[in-house]
PDB file of N, CA and C in Angstrom:
ATOM      1  N   MET A   1       0.588  -0.940  -0.127  1.00  0.00           N
ATOM      2  CA  MET A   1       0.047  -0.157  -0.072  1.00  0.00           C
ATOM      3  C   MET A   1       0.981   1.361  -0.344  1.00  0.00           C
ATOM      4  N   ILE A   2       0.929   2.351  -0.881  1.00  0.00           N
ATOM      5  CA  ILE A   2       1.124   3.497  -1.148  1.00  0.00           C
ATOM      6  C   ILE A   2       0.709   4.293   0.007  1.00  0.00           C
ATOM      7  N   ASP A   3       0.980   5.231   1.123  1.00  0.00           N
ATOM      8  CA  ASP A   3       0.486   6.217   1.696  1.00  0.00           C
ATOM      9  C   ASP A   3       1.112   6.938   1.531  1.00  0.00           C
ATOM     10  N   ARG A   4       0.836   8.499   1.662  1.00  0.00           N
ATOM     11  CA  ARG A   4       0.600   9.746   1.571  1.00  0.00           C
ATOM     12  C   ARG A   4       1.655  10.368   2.406  1.00  0.00           C
ATOM     13  N   PHE A   5       3.241  10.295   2.507  1.00  0.00           N
ATOM     14  CA  PHE A   5       3.879  10.725   3.493  1.00  0.00           C
ATOM     15  C   PHE A   5       3.462  12.376   3.977  1.00  0.00           C
ATOM     16  N   ASN A   6       3.501  13.407   3.180  1.00  0.00           N
ATOM     17  CA  ASN A   6       3.034  14.403   2.794  1.00  0.00           C
ATOM     18  C   ASN A   6       2.887  15.183   1.511  1.00  0.00           C
ATOM     19  N   ASN A   7       2.970  16.349   1.230  1.00  0.00           N
ATOM     20  CA  ASN A   7       2.412  16.701  -0.250  1.00  0.00           C
ATOM     21  C   ASN A   7       3.097  16.543  -1.657  1.00  0.00           C
ATOM     22  N   SER A   8       4.230  16.013  -0.925  1.00  0.00           N
ATOM     23  CA  SER A   8       5.177  15.848  -2.003  1.00  0.00           C
ATOM     24  C   SER A   8       6.043  14.141  -1.659  1.00  0.00           C
ATOM     25  N   VAL A   9       6.070  13.817  -0.964  1.00  0.00           N
ATOM     26  CA  VAL A   9       6.815  12.253  -0.639  1.00  0.00           C
ATOM     27  C   VAL A   9       5.756  11.541  -0.226  1.00  0.00           C
ATOM     28  N   TYR A  10       5.743   9.586  -0.837  1.00  0.00           N
ATOM     29  CA  TYR A  10       4.589   9.275  -0.557  1.00  0.00           C
ATOM     30  C   TYR A  10       5.736   7.929  -0.217  1.00  0.00           C
ATOM     31  N   THR A  11       4.961   6.880   0.797  1.00  0.00           N
ATOM     32  CA  THR A  11       5.849   6.352   1.378  1.00  0.00           C
ATOM     33  C   THR A  11       5.273   4.316   1.360  1.00  0.00           C
ATOM     34  N   TYR A  12       6.208   3.575   0.575  1.00  0.00           N
ATOM     35  CA  TYR A  12       5.881   1.994   0.445  1.00  0.00           C
ATOM     36  C   TYR A  12       6.622   1.008   1.216  1.00  0.00           C
ATOM     37  N   LYS A  13       6.369   0.410   1.979  1.00  0.00           N
ATOM     38  CA  LYS A  13       6.877  -0.915   2.446  1.00  0.00           C
ATOM     39  C   LYS A  13       8.320  -0.280   2.668  1.00  0.00           C
ATOM     40  N   GLY A  14       8.690   0.417   3.448  1.00  0.00           N
ATOM     41  CA  GLY A  14       9.609   1.270   4.336  1.00  0.00           C
ATOM     42  C   GLY A  14      10.859   2.230   3.274  1.00  0.00           C
ATOM     43  N   TYR A  15       9.934   2.441   2.019  1.00  0.00           N
ATOM     44  CA  TYR A  15      10.825   3.326   1.695  1.00  0.00           C
ATOM     45  C   TYR A  15      10.225   4.575   1.331  1.00  0.00           C
ATOM     46  N   ALA A  16      10.839   6.297   1.381  1.00  0.00           N
ATOM     47  CA  ALA A  16      10.121   7.262   1.048  1.00  0.00           C
ATOM     48  C   ALA A  16      10.531   7.676  -0.171  1.00  0.00           C
ATOM     49  N   ILE A  17       9.689   7.865  -0.990  1.00  0.00           N
ATOM     50  CA  ILE A  17       9.664   8.010  -2.471  1.00  0.00           C
ATOM     51  C   ILE A  17       9.850   9.898  -2.586  1.00  0.00           C
ATOM     52  N   LYS A  18      10.180  10.524  -3.669  1.00  0.00           N
ATOM     53  CA  LYS A  18       9.721  11.944  -3.329  1.00  0.00           C
ATOM     54  C   LYS A  18       9.953  11.940  -5.336  1.00  0.00           C
ATOM     55  N   PRO A  19       8.942  11.888  -5.966  1.00  0.00           N
ATOM     56  CA  PRO A  19       8.811  11.908  -7.291  1.00  0.00           C
ATOM     57  C   PRO A  19       9.567  13.495  -7.663  1.00  0.00           C
ATOM     58  N   GLY A  20      10.533  13.419  -8.660  1.00  0.00           N
ATOM     59  CA  GLY A  20      11.052  14.259  -9.805  1.00  0.00           C
ATOM     60  C   GLY A  20      10.740  14.424 -11.110  1.00  0.00           C
ATOM     61  N   ALA A  21      11.182  15.805 -11.437  1.00  0.00           N
ATOM     62  CA  ALA A  21      11.022  15.741 -12.698  1.00  0.00           C
ATOM     63  C   ALA A  21      11.649  14.903 -13.770  1.00  0.00           C
ATOM     64  N   GLU A  22      12.766  14.690 -13.416  1.00  0.00           N
ATOM     65  CA  GLU A  22      13.720  13.285 -14.142  1.00  0.00           C
ATOM     66  C   GLU A  22      13.687  12.748 -13.258  1.00  0.00           C
ATOM     67  N   SER A  23      14.068  12.333 -11.907  1.00  0.00           N
ATOM     68  CA  SER A  23      13.864  10.872 -11.354  1.00  0.00           C
ATOM     69  C   SER A  23      13.317  11.292 -10.200  1.00  0.00           C
ATOM     70  N   SER A  24      13.288   9.896  -9.594  1.00  0.00           N
ATOM     71  CA  SER A  24      12.846  10.067  -8.147  1.00  0.00           C
ATOM     72  C   SER A  24      13.834   9.655  -7.003  1.00  0.00           C
ATOM     73  N   ILE A  25      13.592  10.302  -5.605  1.00  0.00           N
ATOM     74  CA  ILE A  25      14.728   9.701  -4.934  1.00  0.00           C
ATOM     75  C   ILE A  25      14.076   8.966  -3.821  1.00  0.00           C
ATOM     76  N   VAL A  26      14.853   7.648  -3.738  1.00  0.00           N
ATOM     77  CA  VAL A  26      14.064   6.688  -3.060  1.00  0.00           C
ATOM     78  C   VAL A  26      15.087   6.452  -1.540  1.00  0.00           C
ATOM     79  N   ILE A  27      14.642   6.596  -0.931  1.00  0.00           N
ATOM     80  CA  ILE A  27      15.441   6.430   1.095  1.00  0.00           C
ATOM     81  C   ILE A  27      14.659   5.674   1.688  1.00  0.00           C
ATOM     82  N   MET A  28      15.224   4.521   2.189  1.00  0.00           N
ATOM     83  CA  MET A  28      15.328   3.248   3.282  1.00  0.00           C
ATOM     84  C   MET A  28      14.702   3.735   4.379  1.00  0.00           C
ATOM     85  N   LEU A  29      13.459   3.879   5.045  1.00  0.00           N
ATOM     86  CA  LEU A  29      13.170   4.220   6.626  1.00  0.00           C
ATOM     87  C   LEU A  29      13.068   2.973   7.256  1.00  0.00           C
ATOM     88  N   THR A  30      13.364   2.743   8.506  1.00  0.00           N
ATOM     89  CA  THR A  30      12.903   2.145   9.335  1.00  0.00           C
ATOM     90  C   THR A  30      11.709   1.860   9.392  1.00  0.00           C
ATOM     91  N   ALA A  31      11.244   1.044  10.203  1.00  0.00           N
ATOM     92  CA  ALA A  31       9.550   0.734  10.082  1.00  0.00           C
ATOM     93  C   ALA A  31       9.395   1.769  11.522  1.00  0.00           C
ATOM     94  N   SER A  32      10.161   2.005  12.269  1.00  0.00           N
ATOM     95  CA  SER A  32       9.809   3.259  13.560  1.00  0.00           C
ATOM     96  C   SER A  32       9.940   4.590  13.223  1.00  0.00           C
ATOM     97  N   LEU A  33      11.087   4.757  11.860  1.00  0.00           N
ATOM     98  CA  LEU A  33      11.243   6.181  11.644  1.00  0.00           C
ATOM     99  C   LEU A  33      10.053   6.136  10.751  1.00  0.00           C
ATOM    100  N   GLU A  34       9.463   5.612  10.090  1.00  0.00           N
ATOM    101  CA  GLU A  34       8.388   5.486   9.026  1.00  0.00           C
ATOM    102  C   GLU A  34       7.116   6.076   9.404  1.00  0.00           C
ATOM    103  N   LYS A  35       7.013   5.310  11.332  1.00  0.00           N
ATOM    104  CA  LYS A  35       5.926   5.323  11.545  1.00  0.00           C
ATOM    105  C   LYS A  35       5.700   7.199  12.759  1.00  0.00           C
ATOM    106  N   ALA A  36       7.285   7.072  12.914  1.00  0.00           N
ATOM    107  CA  ALA A  36       7.064   8.567  13.221  1.00  0.00           C
ATOM    108  C   ALA A  36       6.711   9.649  12.244  1.00  0.00           C
ATOM    109  N   PHE A  37       7.153   9.837  11.441  1.00  0.00           N
ATOM    110  CA  PHE A  37       7.397  10.745  10.078  1.00  0.00           C
ATOM    111  C   PHE A  37       5.660  10.204   9.754  1.00  0.00           C
ATOM    112  N   ALA A  38       5.131   9.787   9.837  1.00  0.00           N
ATOM    113  CA  ALA A  38       3.748   9.313   9.701  1.00  0.00           C
ATOM    114  C   ALA A  38       3.279  10.437  10.666  1.00  0.00           C
ATOM    115  N   GLU A  39       3.434  10.281  11.935  1.00  0.00           N
ATOM    116  CA  GLU A  39       2.312  10.713  12.923  1.00  0.00           C
ATOM    117  C   GLU A  39       2.820  12.267  12.754  1.00  0.00           C
ATOM    118  N   ALA A  40       4.563  12.364  12.102  1.00  0.00           N
ATOM    119  CA  ALA A  40       4.961  13.939  12.036  1.00  0.00           C
ATOM    120  C   ALA A  40       4.239  14.739  11.258  1.00  0.00           C
ATOM    121  N   SER A  41       4.107  13.885   9.914  1.00  0.00           N
ATOM    122  CA  SER A  41       2.878  14.780   8.999  1.00  0.00           C
ATOM    123  C   SER A  41       1.608  15.138   9.504  1.00  0.00           C
ATOM    124  N   LYS A  42       1.037  14.694  10.317  1.00  0.00           N
ATOM    125  CA  LYS A  42      -0.590  15.329  11.226  1.00  0.00           C
ATOM    126  C   LYS A  42       0.095  16.272  11.769  1.00  0.00           C
ATOM    127  N   LEU A  43       1.689  16.888  12.074  1.00  0.00           N
ATOM    128  CA  LEU A  43       1.166  17.966  12.382  1.00  0.00           C
ATOM    129  C   LEU A  43       1.377  19.429  11.381  1.00  0.00           C
ATOM    130  N   SER A  44       0.702  20.647  11.826  1.00  0.00           N
ATOM    131  CA  SER A  44       1.390  21.920  10.905  1.00  0.00           C
ATOM    132  C   SER A  44       2.535  21.994  10.907  1.00  0.00           C
ATOM    133  N   GLU A  45       2.227  22.922   9.748  1.00  0.00           N
ATOM    134  CA  GLU A  45       3.277  23.375   9.136  1.00  0.00           C
ATOM    135  C   GLU A  45       4.441  23.913   9.716  1.00  0.00           C
ATOM    136  N   GLU A  46       4.238  24.387  10.827  1.00  0.00           N
ATOM    137  CA  GLU A  46       4.863  25.253  11.785  1.00  0.00           C
ATOM    138  C   GLU A  46       6.061  24.430  12.512  1.00  0.00           C
ATOM    139  N   GLU A  47       5.184  23.312  12.969  1.00  0.00           N
ATOM    140  CA  GLU A  47       5.052  22.048  13.662  1.00  0.00           C
ATOM    141  C   GLU A  47       6.350  21.301  13.416  1.00  0.00           C
ATOM    142  N   GLN A  48       6.198  21.219  12.173  1.00  0.00           N
ATOM    143  CA  GLN A  48       7.006  19.912  11.318  1.00  0.00           C
ATOM    144  C   GLN A  48       8.271  20.674  10.975  1.00  0.00           C
ATOM    145  N   ASN A  49       8.099  21.838  10.170  1.00  0.00           N
ATOM    146  CA  ASN A  49       9.612  22.942  10.689  1.00  0.00           C
ATOM    147  C   ASN A  49      10.151  22.761  11.636  1.00  0.00           C
ATOM    148  N   ALA A  50       9.714  23.037  12.773  1.00  0.00           N
ATOM    149  CA  ALA A  50      10.073  23.005  13.976  1.00  0.00           C
ATOM    150  C   ALA A  50      11.115  21.748  14.743  1.00  0.00           C
ATOM    151  N   LEU A  51      10.040  20.733  13.889  1.00  0.00           N
ATOM    152  CA  LEU A  51      10.598  19.059  14.321  1.00  0.00           C
ATOM    153  C   LEU A  51      12.000  19.238  13.601  1.00  0.00           C
ATOM    154  N   ALA A  52      11.793  19.316  12.100  1.00  0.00           N
ATOM    155  CA  ALA A  52      12.928  19.332  11.259  1.00  0.00           C
ATOM    156  C   ALA A  52      13.852  20.001  11.459  1.00  0.00           C
ATOM    157  N   THR A  53      14.156  20.809  12.257  1.00  0.00           N
ATOM    158  CA  THR A  53      14.929  21.903  12.525  1.00  0.00           C
ATOM    159  C   THR A  53      15.781  21.314  13.743  1.00  0.00           C
ATOM    160  N   TRP A  54      14.851  20.421  14.697  1.00  0.00           N
ATOM    161  CA  TRP A  54      15.210  19.758  15.549  1.00  0.00           C
ATOM    162  C   TRP A  54      16.357  18.978  15.620  1.00  0.00           C
ATOM    163  N   ILE A  55      15.703  18.171  14.720  1.00  0.00           N
ATOM    164  CA  ILE A  55      16.401  16.542  14.065  1.00  0.00           C
ATOM    165  C   ILE A  55      17.595  17.329  13.661  1.00  0.00           C
ATOM    166  N   ILE A  56      17.344  17.945  12.333  1.00  0.00           N
ATOM    167  CA  ILE A  56      18.992  18.608  11.824  1.00  0.00           C
ATOM    168  C   ILE A  56      20.037  18.798  12.357  1.00  0.00           C
ATOM    169  N   GLN A  57      19.629  19.732  13.815  1.00  0.00           N
ATOM    170  CA  GLN A  57      20.630  20.061  14.547  1.00  0.00           C
ATOM    171  C   GLN A  57      21.170  19.064  15.566  1.00  0.00           C
ATOM    172  N   GLU A  58      20.222  18.270  15.771  1.00  0.00           N
ATOM    173  CA  GLU A  58      20.279  16.963  16.783  1.00  0.00           C
ATOM    174  C   GLU A  58      21.512  15.797  16.281  1.00  0.00           C
ATOM    175  N   ILE A  59      21.181  15.691  14.972  1.00  0.00           N
ATOM    176  CA  ILE A  59      22.142  14.961  14.015  1.00  0.00           C
ATOM    177  C   ILE A  59      23.640  15.852  13.663  1.00  0.00           C
ATOM    178  N   ALA A  60      23.861  17.100  13.834  1.00  0.00           N
ATOM    179  CA  ALA A  60      24.744  17.595  13.704  1.00  0.00           C
ATOM    180  C   ALA A  60      25.700  17.930  14.939  1.00  0.00           C
ATOM    181  N   SER A  61      24.786  17.786  15.574  1.00  0.00           N
ATOM    182  CA  SER A  61      25.560  17.430  16.969  1.00  0.00           C
ATOM    183  C   SER A  61      26.103  16.564  17.497  1.00  0.00           C
ATOM    184  N   GLU A  62      25.456  15.247  17.080  1.00  0.00           N
ATOM    185  CA  GLU A  62      26.183  13.987  17.128  1.00  0.00           C
ATOM    186  C   GLU A  62      27.381  13.681  16.119  1.00  0.00           C
ATOM    187  N   LYS A  63      27.286  14.389  15.357  1.00  0.00           N
ATOM    188  CA  LYS A  63      28.386  14.527  14.096  1.00  0.00           C
ATOM    189  C   LYS A  63      29.905  15.216  15.061  1.00  0.00           C
ATOM    190  N   ARG A  64      29.590  16.089  15.383  1.00  0.00           N
ATOM    191  CA  ARG A  64      30.479  17.059  16.022  1.00  0.00           C
ATOM    192  C   ARG A  64      31.344  16.563  17.399  1.00  0.00           C
ATOM    193  N   TRP A  65      30.182  15.872  18.459  1.00  0.00           N
ATOM    194  CA  TRP A  65      30.397  14.897  19.155  1.00  0.00           C
ATOM    195  C   TRP A  65      31.390  13.808  18.545  1.00  0.00           C
ATOM    196  N   GLU A  66      31.364  13.379  17.927  1.00  0.00           N
ATOM    197  CA  GLU A  66      31.780  12.324  16.904  1.00  0.00           C
ATOM    198  C   GLU A  66      33.017  12.555  16.694  1.00  0.00           C
ATOM    199  N   LYS A  67      33.550  13.818  16.091  1.00  0.00           N
ATOM    200  CA  LYS A  67      34.651  14.176  15.426  1.00  0.00           C
ATOM    201  C   LYS A  67      35.616  14.722  16.431  1.00  0.00           C
ATOM    202  N   ALA A  68      34.707  15.682  17.656  1.00  0.00           N
ATOM    203  CA  ALA A  68      35.450  15.857  18.642  1.00  0.00           C
ATOM    204  C   ALA A  68      36.161  14.733  19.144  1.00  0.00           C
ATOM    205  N   PHE A  69      35.825  13.637  19.635  1.00  0.00           N
ATOM    206  CA  PHE A  69      36.292  12.629  20.460  1.00  0.00           C
ATOM    207  C   PHE A  69      37.270  11.606  19.336  1.00  0.00           C
ATOM    208  N   SER A  70      36.881  11.432  17.883  1.00  0.00           N
ATOM    209  CA  SER A  70      37.484  10.294  17.251  1.00  0.00           C
ATOM    210  C   SER A  70      39.430  10.512  17.309  1.00  0.00           C
ATOM    211  N   GLY A  71      39.708  11.914  17.538  1.00  0.00           N
ATOM    212  CA  GLY A  71      41.095  11.557  17.671  1.00  0.00           C
ATOM    213  C   GLY A  71      41.634  11.749  19.086  1.00  0.00           C
ATOM    214  N   SER A  72      40.928  11.786  20.113  1.00  0.00           N
ATOM    215  CA  SER A  72      41.173  11.508  21.236  1.00  0.00           C
ATOM    216  C   SER A  72      40.932   9.812  22.167  1.00  0.00           C
ATOM    217  N   ARG A  73      40.616   9.100  21.150  1.00  0.00           N
ATOM    218  CA  ARG A  73      40.013   7.978  21.884  1.00  0.00           C
ATOM    219  C   ARG A  73      41.469   7.362  22.379  1.00  0.00           C
ATOM    220  N   ASP A  74      42.235   6.920  21.340  1.00  0.00           N
ATOM    221  CA  ASP A  74      43.878   6.794  21.962  1.00  0.00           C
ATOM    222  C   ASP A  74      44.179   7.052  23.092  1.00  0.00           C
ATOM    223  N   LYS A  75      44.053   8.489  23.461  1.00  0.00           N
ATOM    224  CA  LYS A  75      44.869   9.130  24.301  1.00  0.00           C
ATOM    225  C   LYS A  75      43.751   9.243  25.820  1.00  0.00           C
ATOM    226  N   LEU A  76      42.594   8.950  25.465  1.00  0.00           N
ATOM    227  CA  LEU A  76      41.572   8.682  26.600  1.00  0.00           C
ATOM    228  C   LEU A  76      41.971   7.364  26.802  1.00  0.00           C
ATOM    229  N   ALA A  77      42.047   6.293  26.263  1.00  0.00           N
ATOM    230  CA  ALA A  77      42.407   4.953  26.860  1.00  0.00           C
ATOM    231  C   ALA A  77      43.830   4.557  27.219  1.00  0.00           C
ATOM    232  N   GLN A  78      44.506   5.668  26.933  1.00  0.00           N
ATOM    233  CA  GLN A  78      46.101   5.594  27.483  1.00  0.00           C
ATOM    234  C   GLN A  78      45.802   6.336  28.871  1.00  0.00           C
ATOM    235  N   LEU A  79      45.043   7.261  28.869  1.00  0.00           N
ATOM    236  CA  LEU A  79      44.964   8.059  30.632  1.00  0.00           C
ATOM    237  C   LEU A  79      44.150   7.095  31.333  1.00  0.00           C
ATOM    238  N   ALA A  80      43.460   6.244  31.029  1.00  0.00           N
ATOM    239  CA  ALA A  80      42.815   5.437  31.696  1.00  0.00           C
ATOM    240  C   ALA A  80      43.244   4.030  32.368  1.00  0.00           C
ATOM    241  N   GLU A  81      43.985   3.626  31.189  1.00  0.00           N
ATOM    242  CA  GLU A  81      45.559   2.795  31.760  1.00  0.00           C
ATOM    243  C   GLU A  81      46.238   2.980  32.684  1.00  0.00           C
ATOM    244  N   GLU A  82      46.975   4.140  32.484  1.00  0.00           N
ATOM    245  CA  GLU A  82      47.394   5.013  33.450  1.00  0.00           C
ATOM    246  C   GLU A  82      47.050   4.955  35.190  1.00  0.00           C
ATOM    247  N   ALA A  83      45.435   5.706  34.814  1.00  0.00           N
ATOM    248  CA  ALA A  83      45.039   5.890  35.839  1.00  0.00           C
ATOM    249  C   ALA A  83      44.858   3.898  36.486  1.00  0.00           C
ATOM    250  N   LEU A  84      44.370   3.591  35.791  1.00  0.00           N
ATOM    251  CA  LEU A  84      44.244   2.055  36.496  1.00  0.00           C
ATOM    252  C   LEU A  84      45.917   1.529  36.830  1.00  0.00           C
ATOM    253  N   GLU A  85      46.485   1.776  36.545  1.00  0.00           N
ATOM    254  CA  GLU A  85      48.045   1.379  36.953  1.00  0.00           C
ATOM    255  C   GLU A  85      48.333   1.827  38.562  1.00  0.00           C
ATOM    256  N   GLU A  86      47.941   3.223  38.071  1.00  0.00           N
ATOM    257  CA  GLU A  86      48.675   4.240  39.487  1.00  0.00           C
ATOM    258  C   GLU A  86      47.488   4.068  40.713  1.00  0.00           C
ATOM    259  N   HIS A  87      45.962   3.322  40.553  1.00  0.00           N
ATOM    260  CA  HIS A  87      45.248   2.716  41.508  1.00  0.00           C
ATOM    261  C   HIS A  87      45.542   1.296  42.273  1.00  0.00           C
ATOM    262  N   HIS A  88      46.431   0.602  41.313  1.00  0.00           N
ATOM    263  CA  HIS A  88      46.670  -0.737  41.630  1.00  0.00           C
ATOM    264  C   HIS A  88      47.743  -1.133  42.425  1.00  0.00           C
ATOM    265  N   GLN A  89      48.421   0.380  42.635  1.00  0.00           N
ATOM    266  CA  GLN A  89      50.274   0.448  43.270  1.00  0.00           C
ATOM    267  C   GLN A  89      49.492   0.326  44.876  1.00  0.00           C
TER     268      GLN A  89
END
C-alpha cells in the first residue's frame, strides 16, 4: 500500500519516495522512523518545520561530538590505563 507522507513524499514498504521531474529519490526508512514521520506529517507546517530543525541540529551535534572525540580515543584509553595502574599500586 502506498501512503502519502506529505504533499510530495510517499511511503511504500519502508521506502520514502519523492517523485522528481527527471528521477525519483528513494530513501530506505526503518519501520520506526516511517511511523514517526507519518505521525509528524499530521502536525501543522510550523510544527513540522520546528521538528525538522531540531532533528537536523541533533544530527549535526552528534557528528560534532563524534569528530571531537574521534582523535582523542587513543589518548583517553592511555590515560585510563595509567589511572588504573596508579590505582593498583
